[in-house]
Amino acid sequence: MGYEVDKKSKIGPFNLLFSRAMVLKSASIESLNIIGIDTLSMEADSSIGKLNTFRKLRMIHLSKGARIRHRNFIGGTYGTIEECGREILTLGENSQISISCFLDLTDEIQLGSNVVVAGSGTQFWTHGYNHLRVKNVAPILVQNNVFIGAASTIVQGVTICSNVTIGAGTVVHRSIYESGLYVSNELRKV
């Protein structure tokens, strides 16, 4: 079937797995997940929690110790008319996507090492529309040692440098190139 699952890996009951290739090395997938992706790659001590839905994705790669917790939705456009070919999610070492997050993978999302995407309602959008209703698609890059608070929104084309904290409820609509704490939900006419 194209699966490489070592003896130390665990896959819980009641999972729906639709993947062409799966590589699990001392990793675990808990129960009640829907995983419809082309390639799933999980390194040592990485894990996927319960009740997650992954669909229309090319690849998810979890590095050593990375975790996708519970009730997350991660979806892309793979296999549709809008297919862009970059529906890839990468989590660096010891990074974590917490509970009830939404990740739009029309384009790629890369999370570096020691990144925490906290709590309920956090959203990543790799596509959007401008005022002329023209679709914009761009990747999101989050470097190392970043904490993203609950209910935050990260939009397409954003890069967040290392050693940054994003406060809860913050909308990150432009790249951050300097370490520090960022909070805001400013609405202004452009």
N, C-alpha and C. Protein backbone atom coordinates (compact mmCIF):
# COMPACT_ATOMS: atom_id res chain seq x y z
N MET A 1 0.81 -1.22 0.00
CA MET A 1 0.00 0.00 0.00
C MET A 1 0.84 1.26 0.00
N GLY A 2 2.16 1.16 0.08
CA GLY A 2 3.00 2.35 0.13
C GLY A 2 3.18 2.88 1.53
N TYR A 3 2.82 2.08 2.55
CA TYR A 3 2.94 2.52 3.93
C TYR A 3 4.19 1.92 4.56
N GLU A 4 4.92 2.74 5.32
CA GLU A 4 6.06 2.28 6.11
C GLU A 4 5.78 2.66 7.55
N VAL A 5 5.27 1.71 8.32
CA VAL A 5 4.92 1.95 9.71
C VAL A 5 5.76 1.00 10.56
N ASP A 6 6.66 1.56 11.38
CA ASP A 6 7.51 0.69 12.19
C ASP A 6 6.75 0.14 13.38
N LYS A 7 7.37 -0.83 14.07
CA LYS A 7 6.70 -1.53 15.17
C LYS A 7 6.45 -0.64 16.38
N LYS A 8 7.16 0.46 16.51
CA LYS A 8 6.97 1.35 17.66
C LYS A 8 5.86 2.38 17.42
N SER A 9 5.33 2.44 16.22
CA SER A 9 4.26 3.39 15.90
C SER A 9 2.91 2.79 16.28
N LYS A 10 1.95 3.69 16.55
CA LYS A 10 0.61 3.25 16.94
C LYS A 10 -0.43 4.02 16.13
N ILE A 11 -1.42 3.30 15.62
CA ILE A 11 -2.55 3.92 14.94
C ILE A 11 -3.80 3.44 15.66
N GLY A 12 -4.56 4.39 16.23
CA GLY A 12 -5.75 4.06 16.99
C GLY A 12 -6.90 3.57 16.10
N PRO A 13 -7.96 3.07 16.74
CA PRO A 13 -9.10 2.56 15.98
C PRO A 13 -9.95 3.68 15.38
N PHE A 14 -10.76 3.30 14.42
CA PHE A 14 -11.76 4.18 13.81
C PHE A 14 -11.16 5.39 13.09
N ASN A 15 -10.04 5.20 12.45
CA ASN A 15 -9.45 6.23 11.60
C ASN A 15 -9.76 5.90 10.15
N LEU A 16 -10.03 6.92 9.35
CA LEU A 16 -10.15 6.76 7.91
C LEU A 16 -8.89 7.33 7.29
N LEU A 17 -8.07 6.46 6.72
CA LEU A 17 -6.78 6.86 6.15
C LEU A 17 -6.83 6.67 4.64
N PHE A 18 -6.73 7.77 3.89
CA PHE A 18 -6.71 7.73 2.44
C PHE A 18 -5.41 8.40 1.99
N SER A 19 -4.33 7.65 1.97
CA SER A 19 -3.03 8.20 1.61
C SER A 19 -2.33 7.25 0.65
N ARG A 20 -1.60 7.83 -0.30
CA ARG A 20 -0.78 7.01 -1.20
C ARG A 20 0.47 6.52 -0.50
N ALA A 21 1.03 7.37 0.36
CA ALA A 21 2.26 7.01 1.07
C ALA A 21 2.16 7.48 2.51
N MET A 22 2.64 6.63 3.42
CA MET A 22 2.62 6.97 4.83
C MET A 22 3.89 6.42 5.46
N VAL A 23 4.65 7.29 6.13
CA VAL A 23 5.87 6.88 6.82
C VAL A 23 5.74 7.30 8.27
N LEU A 24 5.66 6.31 9.17
CA LEU A 24 5.58 6.56 10.61
C LEU A 24 6.76 5.91 11.29
N LYS A 25 7.56 6.72 12.01
CA LYS A 25 8.72 6.23 12.73
C LYS A 25 8.54 6.57 14.21
N SER A 26 8.16 5.59 15.02
CA SER A 26 7.91 5.80 16.46
C SER A 26 6.92 6.93 16.68
N ALA A 27 5.87 6.96 15.88
CA ALA A 27 4.86 8.02 15.93
C ALA A 27 3.51 7.42 16.30
N SER A 28 2.55 8.30 16.60
CA SER A 28 1.22 7.79 16.95
C SER A 28 0.11 8.65 16.35
N ILE A 29 -0.96 7.95 15.97
CA ILE A 29 -2.18 8.61 15.49
C ILE A 29 -3.30 8.08 16.38
N GLU A 30 -3.95 8.97 17.13
CA GLU A 30 -5.05 8.54 17.98
C GLU A 30 -6.28 8.25 17.13
N SER A 31 -7.40 7.97 17.74
CA SER A 31 -8.59 7.50 17.04
C SER A 31 -9.45 8.63 16.47
N LEU A 32 -10.36 8.24 15.58
CA LEU A 32 -11.41 9.09 15.03
C LEU A 32 -10.91 10.26 14.18
N ASN A 33 -9.91 10.02 13.35
CA ASN A 33 -9.40 11.03 12.43
C ASN A 33 -9.80 10.68 11.00
N ILE A 34 -9.95 11.70 10.17
CA ILE A 34 -10.13 11.52 8.74
C ILE A 34 -8.89 12.12 8.08
N ILE A 35 -8.07 11.26 7.47
CA ILE A 35 -6.80 11.69 6.90
C ILE A 35 -6.81 11.35 5.42
N GLY A 36 -7.11 12.37 4.60
CA GLY A 36 -7.16 12.19 3.15
C GLY A 36 -6.10 13.04 2.49
N ILE A 37 -4.86 12.55 2.49
CA ILE A 37 -3.74 13.30 1.93
C ILE A 37 -2.89 12.37 1.07
N ASP A 38 -2.06 12.94 0.23
CA ASP A 38 -1.20 12.14 -0.63
C ASP A 38 -0.09 11.47 0.19
N THR A 39 0.63 12.23 1.01
CA THR A 39 1.76 11.70 1.77
C THR A 39 1.72 12.20 3.21
N LEU A 40 1.81 11.28 4.17
CA LEU A 40 1.92 11.61 5.59
C LEU A 40 3.26 11.08 6.08
N SER A 41 4.07 11.97 6.65
CA SER A 41 5.39 11.59 7.14
C SER A 41 5.51 12.07 8.59
N MET A 42 5.78 11.11 9.50
CA MET A 42 5.88 11.44 10.92
C MET A 42 7.15 10.84 11.50
N GLU A 43 7.98 11.72 12.11
CA GLU A 43 9.23 11.27 12.72
C GLU A 43 9.00 10.87 14.17
N ALA A 44 10.05 10.48 14.85
CA ALA A 44 10.00 9.96 16.22
C ALA A 44 9.26 10.90 17.18
N ASP A 45 8.43 10.30 18.00
CA ASP A 45 7.68 10.99 19.06
C ASP A 45 6.71 12.04 18.54
N SER A 46 6.41 12.05 17.27
CA SER A 46 5.38 12.97 16.75
C SER A 46 4.02 12.29 16.90
N SER A 47 2.96 13.11 16.93
CA SER A 47 1.64 12.51 17.13
C SER A 47 0.53 13.37 16.52
N ILE A 48 -0.56 12.69 16.23
CA ILE A 48 -1.80 13.32 15.79
C ILE A 48 -2.87 12.88 16.77
N GLY A 49 -3.58 13.85 17.36
CA GLY A 49 -4.60 13.56 18.36
C GLY A 49 -5.88 13.02 17.76
N LYS A 50 -7.00 13.31 18.41
CA LYS A 50 -8.31 12.78 18.02
C LYS A 50 -9.13 13.81 17.23
N LEU A 51 -10.05 13.30 16.43
CA LEU A 51 -11.09 14.08 15.77
C LEU A 51 -10.55 15.17 14.84
N ASN A 52 -9.45 14.90 14.16
CA ASN A 52 -8.90 15.84 13.18
C ASN A 52 -9.39 15.46 11.79
N THR A 53 -9.49 16.47 10.92
CA THR A 53 -9.82 16.22 9.52
C THR A 53 -8.74 16.87 8.66
N PHE A 54 -8.09 16.05 7.82
CA PHE A 54 -7.08 16.52 6.87
C PHE A 54 -7.58 16.09 5.49
N ARG A 55 -7.82 17.04 4.59
CA ARG A 55 -8.33 16.65 3.28
C ARG A 55 -7.76 17.51 2.17
N LYS A 56 -7.63 16.89 1.00
CA LYS A 56 -7.14 17.53 -0.22
C LYS A 56 -5.76 18.16 -0.04
N LEU A 57 -4.85 17.40 0.55
CA LEU A 57 -3.49 17.88 0.80
C LEU A 57 -2.48 17.01 0.08
N ARG A 58 -1.38 17.62 -0.32
CA ARG A 58 -0.28 16.84 -0.91
C ARG A 58 0.53 16.16 0.19
N MET A 59 0.92 16.92 1.23
CA MET A 59 1.79 16.33 2.24
C MET A 59 1.66 17.02 3.58
N ILE A 60 1.77 16.21 4.63
CA ILE A 60 1.97 16.71 5.99
C ILE A 60 3.23 16.03 6.50
N HIS A 61 4.18 16.84 7.00
CA HIS A 61 5.40 16.30 7.59
C HIS A 61 5.52 16.81 9.02
N LEU A 62 5.58 15.87 9.97
CA LEU A 62 5.78 16.21 11.37
C LEU A 62 7.18 15.78 11.77
N SER A 63 8.02 16.75 12.14
CA SER A 63 9.38 16.44 12.59
C SER A 63 9.35 15.85 13.99
N LYS A 64 10.50 15.51 14.51
CA LYS A 64 10.63 14.88 15.83
C LYS A 64 9.90 15.68 16.90
N GLY A 65 9.00 15.01 17.62
CA GLY A 65 8.28 15.62 18.74
C GLY A 65 7.16 16.57 18.35
N ALA A 66 6.87 16.72 17.08
CA ALA A 66 5.80 17.63 16.65
C ALA A 66 4.43 17.01 16.93
N ARG A 67 3.43 17.87 17.18
CA ARG A 67 2.10 17.37 17.53
C ARG A 67 1.00 18.20 16.87
N ILE A 68 0.01 17.48 16.38
CA ILE A 68 -1.26 18.10 15.98
C ILE A 68 -2.27 17.53 16.96
N ARG A 69 -2.81 18.38 17.81
CA ARG A 69 -3.66 17.90 18.92
C ARG A 69 -5.04 17.48 18.43
N HIS A 70 -6.12 18.05 18.94
CA HIS A 70 -7.47 17.53 18.70
C HIS A 70 -8.36 18.54 17.96
N ARG A 71 -9.31 18.00 17.20
CA ARG A 71 -10.40 18.74 16.55
C ARG A 71 -9.93 19.85 15.61
N ASN A 72 -8.87 19.63 14.88
CA ASN A 72 -8.37 20.61 13.91
C ASN A 72 -8.86 20.25 12.51
N PHE A 73 -9.06 21.28 11.69
CA PHE A 73 -9.39 21.07 10.28
C PHE A 73 -8.27 21.66 9.44
N ILE A 74 -7.67 20.82 8.59
CA ILE A 74 -6.60 21.26 7.71
C ILE A 74 -6.99 20.83 6.31
N GLY A 75 -7.29 21.81 5.44
CA GLY A 75 -7.79 21.48 4.12
C GLY A 75 -7.11 22.26 3.02
N GLY A 76 -7.03 21.65 1.84
CA GLY A 76 -6.40 22.30 0.70
C GLY A 76 -7.25 22.18 -0.55
N THR A 77 -6.61 22.30 -1.69
CA THR A 77 -7.32 22.25 -2.97
C THR A 77 -6.82 21.11 -3.85
N TYR A 78 -5.98 20.24 -3.31
CA TYR A 78 -5.36 19.17 -4.08
C TYR A 78 -6.42 18.32 -4.79
N GLY A 79 -6.22 18.14 -6.09
CA GLY A 79 -7.14 17.32 -6.86
C GLY A 79 -8.36 18.06 -7.38
N THR A 80 -8.39 19.39 -7.22
CA THR A 80 -9.51 20.17 -7.72
C THR A 80 -9.04 21.03 -8.89
N ILE A 81 -9.98 21.73 -9.51
CA ILE A 81 -9.67 22.61 -10.64
C ILE A 81 -8.68 23.70 -10.23
N GLU A 82 -8.76 24.18 -8.98
CA GLU A 82 -7.90 25.26 -8.50
C GLU A 82 -6.53 24.78 -8.04
N GLU A 83 -6.22 23.53 -8.23
CA GLU A 83 -5.00 22.92 -7.74
C GLU A 83 -3.76 23.78 -8.01
N CYS A 84 -3.00 24.07 -6.95
CA CYS A 84 -1.79 24.89 -7.14
C CYS A 84 -0.52 24.09 -6.91
N GLY A 85 -0.61 22.90 -6.34
CA GLY A 85 0.56 22.04 -6.18
C GLY A 85 1.40 22.26 -4.96
N ARG A 86 0.98 23.15 -4.06
CA ARG A 86 1.81 23.45 -2.90
C ARG A 86 1.04 23.22 -1.60
N GLU A 87 0.14 22.27 -1.57
CA GLU A 87 -0.68 22.00 -0.39
C GLU A 87 0.11 21.16 0.61
N ILE A 88 1.10 21.81 1.25
CA ILE A 88 2.05 21.11 2.12
C ILE A 88 2.10 21.80 3.49
N LEU A 89 2.00 21.00 4.55
CA LEU A 89 2.15 21.49 5.92
C LEU A 89 3.38 20.83 6.52
N THR A 90 4.31 21.65 7.05
CA THR A 90 5.52 21.15 7.70
C THR A 90 5.60 21.71 9.11
N LEU A 91 5.74 20.82 10.10
CA LEU A 91 5.96 21.23 11.49
C LEU A 91 7.37 20.84 11.88
N GLY A 92 8.14 21.82 12.37
CA GLY A 92 9.50 21.57 12.83
C GLY A 92 9.50 20.84 14.16
N GLU A 93 10.70 20.55 14.66
CA GLU A 93 10.84 19.81 15.91
C GLU A 93 10.11 20.49 17.06
N ASN A 94 9.38 19.67 17.82
CA ASN A 94 8.66 20.08 19.03
C ASN A 94 7.63 21.19 18.79
N SER A 95 7.14 21.32 17.58
CA SER A 95 6.09 22.30 17.31
C SER A 95 4.73 21.66 17.53
N GLN A 96 3.72 22.51 17.74
CA GLN A 96 2.40 21.99 18.10
C GLN A 96 1.29 22.84 17.52
N ILE A 97 0.30 22.19 16.94
CA ILE A 97 -0.96 22.83 16.60
C ILE A 97 -1.94 22.33 17.63
N SER A 98 -2.53 23.22 18.38
CA SER A 98 -3.32 22.85 19.55
C SER A 98 -4.71 22.34 19.18
N ILE A 99 -5.75 22.93 19.73
CA ILE A 99 -7.11 22.40 19.64
C ILE A 99 -8.01 23.34 18.84
N SER A 100 -8.81 22.78 17.94
CA SER A 100 -9.83 23.50 17.16
C SER A 100 -9.27 24.65 16.34
N CYS A 101 -8.20 24.38 15.60
CA CYS A 101 -7.61 25.36 14.69
C CYS A 101 -8.04 25.04 13.26
N PHE A 102 -7.99 26.07 12.40
CA PHE A 102 -8.33 25.92 10.98
C PHE A 102 -7.13 26.35 10.16
N LEU A 103 -6.66 25.46 9.27
CA LEU A 103 -5.54 25.79 8.39
C LEU A 103 -5.97 25.59 6.95
N ASP A 104 -5.96 26.68 6.18
CA ASP A 104 -6.25 26.63 4.75
C ASP A 104 -4.93 26.39 4.04
N LEU A 105 -4.83 25.28 3.34
CA LEU A 105 -3.59 24.95 2.65
C LEU A 105 -3.78 25.03 1.14
N THR A 106 -4.25 26.17 0.67
CA THR A 106 -4.24 26.40 -0.77
C THR A 106 -2.80 26.53 -1.22
N ASP A 107 -1.94 27.04 -0.33
CA ASP A 107 -0.50 27.10 -0.54
C ASP A 107 0.17 26.51 0.69
N GLU A 108 1.48 26.54 0.75
CA GLU A 108 2.25 25.89 1.79
C GLU A 108 2.26 26.67 3.11
N ILE A 109 2.27 25.92 4.23
CA ILE A 109 2.48 26.49 5.56
C ILE A 109 3.65 25.75 6.18
N GLN A 110 4.68 26.52 6.60
CA GLN A 110 5.85 25.96 7.27
C GLN A 110 5.95 26.54 8.67
N LEU A 111 5.97 25.66 9.67
CA LEU A 111 6.19 26.07 11.05
C LEU A 111 7.56 25.55 11.46
N GLY A 112 8.42 26.43 11.97
CA GLY A 112 9.76 26.05 12.40
C GLY A 112 9.73 25.22 13.67
N SER A 113 10.85 25.17 14.37
CA SER A 113 10.97 24.42 15.62
C SER A 113 10.39 25.21 16.78
N ASN A 114 9.82 24.50 17.75
CA ASN A 114 9.29 25.08 18.99
C ASN A 114 8.24 26.16 18.73
N VAL A 115 7.37 25.92 17.78
CA VAL A 115 6.24 26.83 17.50
C VAL A 115 5.00 26.25 18.15
N VAL A 116 4.23 27.11 18.84
CA VAL A 116 2.97 26.69 19.42
C VAL A 116 1.86 27.51 18.80
N VAL A 117 0.93 26.82 18.16
CA VAL A 117 -0.29 27.45 17.65
C VAL A 117 -1.36 27.11 18.68
N ALA A 118 -1.70 28.10 19.51
CA ALA A 118 -2.53 27.84 20.69
C ALA A 118 -4.01 27.83 20.36
N GLY A 119 -4.70 27.20 21.21
CA GLY A 119 -6.13 27.11 21.41
C GLY A 119 -7.12 27.38 20.30
N SER A 120 -8.32 27.36 20.72
CA SER A 120 -9.49 27.39 19.86
C SER A 120 -9.58 28.64 18.98
N GLY A 121 -9.95 28.41 17.72
CA GLY A 121 -10.27 29.51 16.83
C GLY A 121 -9.13 30.11 16.04
N THR A 122 -7.91 29.62 16.19
CA THR A 122 -6.79 30.17 15.41
C THR A 122 -6.93 29.73 13.96
N GLN A 123 -6.66 30.68 13.03
CA GLN A 123 -6.83 30.41 11.61
C GLN A 123 -5.59 30.82 10.82
N PHE A 124 -5.24 30.00 9.84
CA PHE A 124 -4.19 30.32 8.87
C PHE A 124 -4.86 30.30 7.50
N TRP A 125 -4.70 31.38 6.73
CA TRP A 125 -5.31 31.50 5.40
C TRP A 125 -4.22 31.75 4.37
N THR A 126 -4.01 30.78 3.46
CA THR A 126 -3.00 30.96 2.42
C THR A 126 -3.60 31.49 1.13
N HIS A 127 -4.87 31.81 1.16
CA HIS A 127 -5.48 32.48 0.01
C HIS A 127 -6.47 33.52 0.51
N GLY A 128 -6.75 34.49 -0.33
CA GLY A 128 -7.70 35.54 -0.02
C GLY A 128 -8.03 36.28 -1.31
N TYR A 129 -8.81 37.33 -1.19
CA TYR A 129 -9.23 38.11 -2.36
C TYR A 129 -8.99 39.59 -2.08
N ASN A 130 -8.57 40.32 -3.10
CA ASN A 130 -8.40 41.76 -2.93
C ASN A 130 -9.73 42.46 -3.20
N HIS A 131 -9.71 43.80 -3.19
CA HIS A 131 -10.94 44.58 -3.35
C HIS A 131 -11.54 44.44 -4.75
N LEU A 132 -10.78 43.93 -5.71
CA LEU A 132 -11.29 43.69 -7.06
C LEU A 132 -11.73 42.23 -7.25
N ARG A 133 -11.76 41.49 -6.15
CA ARG A 133 -12.13 40.08 -6.12
C ARG A 133 -11.19 39.20 -6.94
N VAL A 134 -9.93 39.58 -6.95
CA VAL A 134 -8.89 38.78 -7.58
C VAL A 134 -8.26 37.91 -6.48
N LYS A 135 -8.16 36.61 -6.75
CA LYS A 135 -7.64 35.68 -5.75
C LYS A 135 -6.14 35.85 -5.59
N ASN A 136 -5.70 35.94 -4.33
CA ASN A 136 -4.28 36.01 -3.97
C ASN A 136 -3.92 34.74 -3.23
N VAL A 137 -2.87 34.06 -3.67
CA VAL A 137 -2.41 32.83 -3.03
C VAL A 137 -0.93 32.99 -2.71
N ALA A 138 -0.54 32.72 -1.46
CA ALA A 138 0.86 32.84 -1.05
C ALA A 138 1.09 31.99 0.19
N PRO A 139 2.32 31.49 0.38
CA PRO A 139 2.62 30.65 1.54
C PRO A 139 2.72 31.45 2.84
N ILE A 140 2.70 30.73 3.95
CA ILE A 140 2.92 31.31 5.28
C ILE A 140 4.14 30.61 5.87
N LEU A 141 5.08 31.41 6.38
CA LEU A 141 6.29 30.88 7.00
C LEU A 141 6.41 31.41 8.42
N VAL A 142 6.47 30.51 9.38
CA VAL A 142 6.66 30.87 10.79
C VAL A 142 7.99 30.24 11.20
N GLN A 143 8.94 31.08 11.65
CA GLN A 143 10.26 30.56 12.00
C GLN A 143 10.25 29.92 13.38
N ASN A 144 11.33 29.93 14.13
CA ASN A 144 11.47 29.17 15.37
C ASN A 144 11.05 29.97 16.61
N ASN A 145 10.65 29.22 17.65
CA ASN A 145 10.33 29.79 18.97
C ASN A 145 9.25 30.87 18.88
N VAL A 146 8.14 30.52 18.26
CA VAL A 146 7.02 31.45 18.09
C VAL A 146 5.80 30.89 18.81
N PHE A 147 5.09 31.76 19.54
CA PHE A 147 3.83 31.39 20.19
C PHE A 147 2.73 32.22 19.54
N ILE A 148 1.69 31.55 19.04
CA ILE A 148 0.56 32.23 18.41
C ILE A 148 -0.66 31.99 19.28
N GLY A 149 -1.19 33.06 19.86
CA GLY A 149 -2.29 32.98 20.81
C GLY A 149 -3.61 32.54 20.16
N ALA A 150 -4.52 32.09 21.01
CA ALA A 150 -5.83 31.59 20.57
C ALA A 150 -6.59 32.66 19.79
N ALA A 151 -7.39 32.21 18.83
CA ALA A 151 -8.28 33.05 18.02
C ALA A 151 -7.53 34.09 17.18
N SER A 152 -6.26 33.83 16.91
CA SER A 152 -5.49 34.71 16.02
C SER A 152 -5.71 34.28 14.58
N THR A 153 -5.47 35.21 13.65
CA THR A 153 -5.59 34.92 12.23
C THR A 153 -4.31 35.34 11.53
N ILE A 154 -3.73 34.41 10.76
CA ILE A 154 -2.53 34.67 9.99
C ILE A 154 -2.94 34.57 8.52
N VAL A 155 -2.65 35.60 7.71
CA VAL A 155 -3.11 35.61 6.33
C VAL A 155 -1.97 35.31 5.35
N GLN A 156 -2.33 35.12 4.09
CA GLN A 156 -1.39 34.68 3.05
C GLN A 156 -0.22 35.63 2.89
N GLY A 157 0.95 35.02 2.58
CA GLY A 157 2.15 35.79 2.30
C GLY A 157 2.90 36.28 3.52
N VAL A 158 2.47 35.91 4.72
CA VAL A 158 3.09 36.40 5.95
C VAL A 158 4.28 35.52 6.33
N THR A 159 5.37 36.19 6.76
CA THR A 159 6.51 35.54 7.37
C THR A 159 6.64 36.09 8.78
N ILE A 160 6.80 35.20 9.76
CA ILE A 160 6.99 35.61 11.15
C ILE A 160 8.37 35.13 11.56
N CYS A 161 9.23 36.07 11.97
CA CYS A 161 10.60 35.72 12.35
C CYS A 161 10.63 34.96 13.68
N SER A 162 11.80 34.51 14.07
CA SER A 162 11.96 33.75 15.31
C SER A 162 11.75 34.64 16.54
N ASN A 163 11.41 33.99 17.66
CA ASN A 163 11.27 34.63 18.97
C ASN A 163 10.19 35.71 19.00
N VAL A 164 9.01 35.32 18.54
CA VAL A 164 7.87 36.24 18.50
C VAL A 164 6.71 35.62 19.27
N THR A 165 5.95 36.46 19.98
CA THR A 165 4.70 36.06 20.61
C THR A 165 3.59 36.87 19.99
N ILE A 166 2.57 36.19 19.49
CA ILE A 166 1.39 36.83 18.92
C ILE A 166 0.27 36.70 19.96
N GLY A 167 -0.24 37.83 20.44
CA GLY A 167 -1.29 37.81 21.45
C GLY A 167 -2.60 37.25 20.92
N ALA A 168 -3.42 36.76 21.83
CA ALA A 168 -4.72 36.17 21.47
C ALA A 168 -5.57 37.17 20.69
N GLY A 169 -6.23 36.69 19.65
CA GLY A 169 -7.14 37.50 18.87
C GLY A 169 -6.49 38.45 17.89
N THR A 170 -5.20 38.34 17.67
CA THR A 170 -4.48 39.24 16.78
C THR A 170 -4.61 38.81 15.32
N VAL A 171 -4.78 39.78 14.43
CA VAL A 171 -4.79 39.51 13.00
C VAL A 171 -3.43 39.92 12.45
N VAL A 172 -2.68 38.94 11.93
CA VAL A 172 -1.36 39.20 11.38
C VAL A 172 -1.52 39.30 9.87
N HIS A 173 -1.52 40.53 9.35
CA HIS A 173 -1.78 40.77 7.93
C HIS A 173 -0.54 41.23 7.17
N ARG A 174 0.58 41.33 7.87
CA ARG A 174 1.85 41.65 7.20
C ARG A 174 2.98 40.93 7.94
N SER A 175 4.10 40.77 7.28
CA SER A 175 5.22 40.02 7.84
C SER A 175 5.82 40.73 9.05
N ILE A 176 6.38 39.92 9.96
CA ILE A 176 7.03 40.41 11.17
C ILE A 176 8.50 40.03 11.08
N TYR A 177 9.39 41.04 11.11
CA TYR A 177 10.81 40.80 10.93
C TYR A 177 11.63 41.11 12.18
N GLU A 178 10.97 41.46 13.29
CA GLU A 178 11.68 41.80 14.52
C GLU A 178 11.05 41.05 15.68
N SER A 179 11.87 40.43 16.53
CA SER A 179 11.37 39.66 17.66
C SER A 179 10.59 40.54 18.62
N GLY A 180 9.65 39.93 19.37
CA GLY A 180 8.90 40.68 20.37
C GLY A 180 7.47 40.18 20.49
N LEU A 181 6.68 40.96 21.23
CA LEU A 181 5.26 40.66 21.46
C LEU A 181 4.43 41.54 20.53
N TYR A 182 3.47 40.93 19.82
CA TYR A 182 2.61 41.66 18.90
C TYR A 182 1.16 41.40 19.24
N VAL A 183 0.39 42.49 19.42
CA VAL A 183 -1.05 42.39 19.66
C VAL A 183 -1.74 43.50 18.90
N SER A 184 -2.90 43.21 18.36
CA SER A 184 -3.68 44.24 17.68
C SER A 184 -4.82 43.60 16.91
N ASN A 185 -5.81 44.36 16.70
CA ASN A 185 -6.90 43.96 15.80
C ASN A 185 -7.39 45.22 15.12
N GLU A 186 -6.42 46.03 14.70
CA GLU A 186 -6.70 47.34 14.12
C GLU A 186 -7.38 47.22 12.77
N LEU A 187 -8.48 47.93 12.60
CA LEU A 187 -9.15 47.99 11.31
C LEU A 187 -8.99 49.41 10.81
N ARG A 188 -8.41 49.53 9.62
CA ARG A 188 -8.21 50.86 9.06
C ARG A 188 -8.39 50.81 7.56
N LYS A 189 -8.81 51.91 6.98
CA LYS A 189 -9.00 51.99 5.53
C LYS A 189 -7.65 52.13 4.84
N VAL A 190 -7.47 51.36 3.78
CA VAL A 190 -6.20 51.39 3.05
C VAL A 190 -6.37 52.19 1.78
